[in-house]
């Protein structure tokens, strides 16, 4: 009985000692923060992606406008000649107009999907470059966690808890730091 109590006491003391040694050996987690959007908007790749998206959007809009003008022209022709057309021609032209209208609507929907995908692809490439730079800075500086402060994802960071690494990331990307 006494041996068991002594053994328990020794195990308890060693457990407390081990916990204190482990606690001392661990280094505190270093935190950093930055705004991905603020950095991205200064990147050349971001501006190139935006320029590509704008050009693509312009091409699609030009085609949509051409199709719409073609539809309007045919509709005016239909309206002008409607009273003179035999019934079969009238029905054929109505079907043509209906098909054009549906085709234009489908085109607009497809364009929206294509633009969304293009933006996702182009911005994904930009974000990949940014994440690589953030990881490099975090590794070099010994940060265990980097918080993105965009979009209210972080409500509050107390002074001294996290270091703003915006300028370090900008330098890593060969961009002049923010004053």
Protein backbone atom coordinates (compact mmCIF):
# COMPACT_ATOMS: atom_id res chain seq x y z
CA UNK A 1 0.00 0.00 0.00
CA UNK A 2 2.76 2.43 0.99
CA UNK A 3 4.74 1.32 -2.06
CA UNK A 4 1.76 2.13 -4.30
CA UNK A 5 1.35 5.61 -2.79
CA UNK A 6 5.05 6.28 -3.16
CA UNK A 7 4.99 4.99 -6.73
CA UNK A 8 2.00 7.23 -7.55
CA UNK A 9 3.77 10.22 -6.03
CA UNK A 10 6.90 9.52 -8.04
CA UNK A 11 4.86 9.12 -11.28
CA UNK A 12 2.99 12.32 -10.53
CA UNK A 13 6.21 14.24 -9.88
CA UNK A 14 7.81 12.91 -13.06
CA UNK A 15 4.67 13.83 -15.06
CA UNK A 16 4.74 17.38 -13.73
CA UNK A 17 8.47 17.62 -14.42
CA UNK A 18 8.04 16.26 -17.97
CA UNK A 19 5.22 18.73 -18.70
CA UNK A 20 7.29 21.67 -17.52
CA UNK A 21 10.29 20.57 -19.63
CA UNK A 22 8.07 20.16 -22.71
CA UNK A 23 6.44 23.55 -22.10
CA UNK A 24 9.83 25.24 -21.89
CA UNK A 25 11.07 23.51 -25.04
CA UNK A 26 8.18 24.73 -27.17
CA UNK A 27 8.57 28.11 -28.81
CA UNK A 28 5.52 30.34 -29.00
CA UNK A 29 3.65 30.43 -32.30
CA UNK A 30 4.59 33.58 -34.20
CA UNK A 31 1.73 35.26 -36.05
CA UNK A 32 1.80 37.54 -39.06
CA UNK A 33 -0.91 39.29 -41.04
CA UNK A 34 -1.46 41.06 -44.34
CA UNK A 35 -4.19 41.93 -46.82
CA UNK A 36 -4.00 39.64 -49.85
CA UNK A 37 -6.08 42.11 -51.89
CA UNK A 38 -3.81 45.05 -51.07
CA UNK A 39 -0.75 43.11 -52.20
CA UNK A 40 -2.42 41.55 -55.26
CA UNK A 41 -3.58 44.93 -56.54
CA UNK A 42 0.05 46.03 -56.69
CA UNK A 43 1.19 42.95 -58.62
CA UNK A 44 1.92 43.17 -62.36
CA UNK A 45 0.26 39.77 -62.86
CA UNK A 46 -2.96 41.14 -61.35
CA UNK A 47 -3.07 44.04 -63.80
CA UNK A 48 -2.29 41.73 -66.72
CA UNK A 49 -5.12 39.40 -65.65
CA UNK A 50 -7.53 42.34 -65.37
CA UNK A 51 -6.46 43.57 -68.81
CA UNK A 52 -7.04 40.09 -70.31
CA UNK A 53 -10.47 39.87 -68.68
CA UNK A 54 -11.41 43.30 -69.98
CA UNK A 55 -10.36 42.36 -73.53
CA UNK A 56 -12.27 39.09 -73.35
CA UNK A 57 -15.35 40.86 -71.98
CA UNK A 58 -15.15 43.41 -74.82
CA UNK A 59 -14.98 40.66 -77.46
CA UNK A 60 -18.01 38.90 -76.00
CA UNK A 61 -19.94 42.16 -75.70
CA UNK A 62 -19.17 43.04 -79.33
CA UNK A 63 -20.48 39.66 -80.47
CA UNK A 64 -23.58 39.96 -78.31
CA UNK A 65 -24.22 43.45 -79.68
CA UNK A 66 -23.79 42.21 -83.28
CA UNK A 67 -26.26 39.38 -82.63
CA UNK A 68 -28.73 41.76 -81.02
CA UNK A 69 -28.52 44.20 -83.93
CA UNK A 70 -29.00 41.31 -86.35
CA UNK A 71 -32.09 40.24 -84.42
CA UNK A 72 -33.48 43.79 -84.37
CA UNK A 73 -32.89 44.19 -88.11
CA UNK A 74 -34.71 40.91 -88.87
CA UNK A 75 -37.50 41.82 -86.48
CA UNK A 76 -38.05 45.17 -88.22
CA UNK A 77 -38.08 43.39 -91.59
CA UNK A 78 -40.58 40.90 -90.20
CA UNK A 79 -42.82 43.64 -88.83
CA UNK A 80 -42.67 45.60 -92.11
CA UNK A 81 -43.54 42.59 -94.28
CA UNK A 82 -45.80 40.70 -91.91
CA UNK A 83 -49.06 41.75 -93.52
CA UNK A 84 -47.78 40.73 -96.98
CA UNK A 85 -46.31 37.30 -96.06
CA UNK A 86 -48.18 34.10 -96.76
CA UNK A 87 -48.85 32.13 -93.56
CA UNK A 88 -46.02 29.61 -94.10
CA UNK A 89 -43.41 32.35 -94.54
CA UNK A 90 -44.86 34.23 -91.59
CA UNK A 91 -44.55 31.14 -89.34
CA UNK A 92 -41.05 30.39 -90.66
CA UNK A 93 -39.86 33.91 -89.87
CA UNK A 94 -41.51 33.85 -86.45
CA UNK A 95 -39.65 30.62 -85.70
CA UNK A 96 -36.40 32.14 -86.96
CA UNK A 97 -36.86 35.15 -84.68
CA UNK A 98 -37.73 32.93 -81.74
CA UNK A 99 -34.66 30.79 -82.36
CA UNK A 100 -32.45 33.88 -82.63
CA UNK A 101 -33.87 35.25 -79.39
CA UNK A 102 -33.24 31.96 -77.57
CA UNK A 103 -29.79 31.63 -79.10
CA UNK A 104 -28.85 35.15 -77.98
CA UNK A 105 -30.08 34.42 -74.44
CA UNK A 106 -28.09 31.15 -74.33
CA UNK A 107 -25.04 32.96 -75.63
CA UNK A 108 -25.27 35.58 -72.88
CA UNK A 109 -25.53 32.86 -70.21
CA UNK A 110 -22.60 30.95 -71.69
CA UNK A 111 -20.54 34.13 -71.87
CA UNK A 112 -21.20 34.82 -68.20
CA UNK A 113 -20.04 31.30 -67.32
CA UNK A 114 -16.95 31.63 -69.53
CA UNK A 115 -16.04 35.00 -68.02
CA UNK A 116 -16.45 33.63 -64.50
CA UNK A 117 -14.21 30.67 -65.34
CA UNK A 118 -11.63 32.89 -67.05
CA UNK A 119 -11.54 35.20 -64.03
CA UNK A 120 -11.16 32.25 -61.68
CA UNK A 121 -8.32 30.81 -63.78
CA UNK A 122 -6.48 34.10 -64.26
CA UNK A 123 -6.86 35.22 -60.65
CA UNK A 124 -5.96 31.73 -59.45
CA UNK A 125 -2.58 32.12 -61.12
CA UNK A 126 -2.09 35.51 -59.46
CA UNK A 127 -3.11 34.13 -56.06
CA UNK A 128 -0.70 31.22 -56.47
CA UNK A 129 2.21 33.64 -56.95
CA UNK A 130 1.07 35.62 -53.90
CA UNK A 131 0.68 32.54 -51.69
CA UNK A 132 4.15 31.36 -52.71
CA UNK A 133 5.63 34.72 -51.68
CA UNK A 134 3.71 34.70 -48.37
CA UNK A 135 4.94 31.17 -47.62
CA UNK A 136 8.51 32.14 -48.44
CA UNK A 137 8.42 35.18 -46.14
CA UNK A 138 6.71 33.21 -43.35
CA UNK A 139 9.32 30.45 -43.58
CA UNK A 140 12.25 32.88 -43.70
CA UNK A 141 10.94 34.94 -40.78
CA UNK A 142 9.75 31.99 -38.68
CA UNK A 143 6.01 32.70 -38.68
CA UNK A 144 3.80 29.72 -37.94
CA UNK A 145 0.56 31.35 -39.06
CA UNK A 146 -0.22 34.19 -41.48
CA UNK A 147 -3.68 35.74 -41.28
CA UNK A 148 -5.36 37.27 -44.32
CA UNK A 149 -7.18 40.38 -43.07
CA UNK A 150 -9.45 40.70 -46.12
CA UNK A 151 -13.22 40.47 -46.03
CA UNK A 152 -13.72 40.79 -42.28
CA UNK A 153 -12.12 37.37 -41.81
CA UNK A 154 -10.23 38.76 -38.83
CA UNK A 155 -12.23 41.13 -36.62
CA UNK A 156 -9.47 42.16 -34.25
CA UNK A 157 -5.75 41.68 -33.78
CA UNK A 158 -4.30 43.10 -30.57
CA UNK A 159 -1.13 45.17 -30.81
CA UNK A 160 1.95 43.00 -30.66
CA UNK A 161 0.14 39.72 -31.35
CA UNK A 162 0.77 39.62 -35.11
CA UNK A 163 3.31 41.33 -37.32
CA UNK A 164 2.22 43.00 -40.56
CA UNK A 165 4.35 41.41 -43.29
CA UNK A 166 2.87 43.34 -46.23
CA UNK A 167 6.10 45.16 -47.08
CA UNK A 168 8.19 41.99 -46.77
CA UNK A 169 5.88 40.17 -49.18
CA UNK A 170 5.93 43.12 -51.58
CA UNK A 171 9.75 43.10 -51.53
CA UNK A 172 9.71 39.32 -52.14
CA UNK A 173 7.61 40.05 -55.25
CA UNK A 174 10.04 42.82 -56.33
CA UNK A 175 7.41 45.51 -55.70
CA UNK A 176 8.18 48.76 -53.91
CA UNK A 177 6.93 48.59 -50.31
CA UNK A 178 4.06 50.71 -48.99
CA UNK A 179 5.10 53.78 -47.00
